[in-house]
Amino acid sequence: MNETNNYHNQAMNLAEEAFIQRMKGETNSAQQLFESALDFEVRRSEEHTSELQSHSFISYAVFCLKKKKECKQQYVMKLET
């Protein structure tokens, strides 16, 4: 999550600088800075998506393990009765 925050902070810093450049009339510089800010936000989004996918896979694996354990316990209980 730290990486996503870094990307976002860098994007916000670039966007702020771009706004300042635009106010000064430096439209070319402002446009380049805005594009760089957008690139960082895209990276942040991709990183965040990757983290969510990892959490989903882990959660599903835990669910499967718990389910497998429950099935084994039910099977053992049936054998004992």
Protein backbone atom coordinates (compact mmCIF):
# COMPACT_ATOMS: atom_id res chain seq x y z
CA MET A 1 0.00 0.00 0.00
CA ASN A 2 2.96 2.26 0.62
CA GLU A 3 3.92 2.12 -3.05
CA THR A 4 0.45 3.25 -4.11
CA ASN A 5 0.63 6.18 -1.70
CA ASN A 6 4.02 7.18 -3.11
CA TYR A 7 2.67 7.15 -6.67
CA HIS A 8 -0.32 9.23 -5.63
CA ASN A 9 1.79 11.76 -3.74
CA GLN A 10 4.14 12.14 -6.70
CA ALA A 11 1.16 12.64 -9.01
CA MET A 12 -0.31 15.31 -6.73
CA ASN A 13 3.02 17.14 -6.51
CA LEU A 14 3.35 17.12 -10.28
CA ALA A 15 -0.24 18.29 -10.75
CA GLU A 16 0.33 21.16 -8.33
CA GLU A 17 3.49 22.20 -10.16
CA ALA A 18 1.62 21.92 -13.48
CA PHE A 19 -1.09 24.22 -12.16
CA ILE A 20 1.53 26.77 -11.12
CA GLN A 21 3.17 26.56 -14.56
CA ARG A 22 -0.20 27.05 -16.24
CA MET A 23 -0.89 30.12 -14.10
CA LYS A 24 2.46 31.52 -15.24
CA GLY A 25 1.47 30.96 -18.86
CA GLU A 26 3.89 28.07 -19.39
CA THR A 27 1.34 25.84 -21.13
CA ASN A 28 3.82 23.39 -22.67
CA SER A 29 5.53 22.79 -19.35
CA ALA A 30 2.17 22.49 -17.62
CA GLN A 31 0.95 19.93 -20.13
CA GLN A 32 4.08 17.78 -19.68
CA LEU A 33 3.70 17.91 -15.91
CA PHE A 34 0.01 16.98 -16.10
CA GLU A 35 0.86 14.04 -18.36
CA SER A 36 3.53 12.88 -15.90
CA ALA A 37 1.03 13.18 -13.06
CA LEU A 38 -1.42 11.06 -15.02
CA ASP A 39 1.26 8.41 -15.59
CA PHE A 40 1.84 8.16 -11.84
CA GLU A 41 -1.90 7.82 -11.20
CA VAL A 42 -2.10 5.02 -13.78
CA ARG A 43 0.78 3.22 -12.03
CA ARG A 44 -0.94 3.73 -8.69
CA SER A 45 -4.14 2.25 -10.06
CA GLU A 46 -2.31 -0.77 -11.49
CA GLU A 47 -0.45 -1.33 -8.22
CA HIS A 48 -3.66 -1.04 -6.22
CA THR A 49 -5.40 -3.53 -8.52
CA SER A 50 -2.51 -5.94 -8.11
CA GLU A 51 -2.70 -5.66 -4.32
CA LEU A 52 -6.44 -6.29 -4.36
CA GLN A 53 -5.96 -9.36 -6.53
CA SER A 54 -3.34 -10.69 -4.11
CA HIS A 55 -5.69 -10.17 -1.16
CA SER A 56 -8.48 -11.93 -3.07
CA PHE A 57 -6.28 -14.93 -3.86
CA ILE A 58 -5.18 -15.18 -0.23
CA SER A 59 -8.74 -14.90 1.05
CA TYR A 60 -9.91 -17.56 -1.37
CA ALA A 61 -7.07 -19.87 -0.37
CA VAL A 62 -7.96 -19.47 3.31
CA PHE A 63 -11.61 -20.11 2.50
CA CYS A 64 -10.69 -23.30 0.63
CA LEU A 65 -8.49 -24.52 3.47
CA LYS A 66 -11.23 -23.88 6.03
CA LYS A 67 -13.79 -25.59 3.83
CA LYS A 68 -11.48 -28.58 3.34
CA LYS A 69 -10.97 -28.81 7.12
CA GLU A 70 -14.74 -28.66 7.73
CA CYS A 71 -15.33 -31.41 5.16
CA LYS A 72 -12.69 -33.61 6.80
CA GLN A 73 -14.20 -33.02 10.25
CA GLN A 74 -17.69 -33.92 9.01
CA TYR A 75 -16.34 -37.06 7.37
CA VAL A 76 -14.53 -38.12 10.56
CA MET A 77 -17.65 -37.45 12.63
CA LYS A 78 -19.71 -39.66 10.29
CA LEU A 79 -17.17 -42.45 10.60
CA GLU A 80 -17.23 -42.24 14.39
CA THR A 81 -21.02 -42.55 14.63
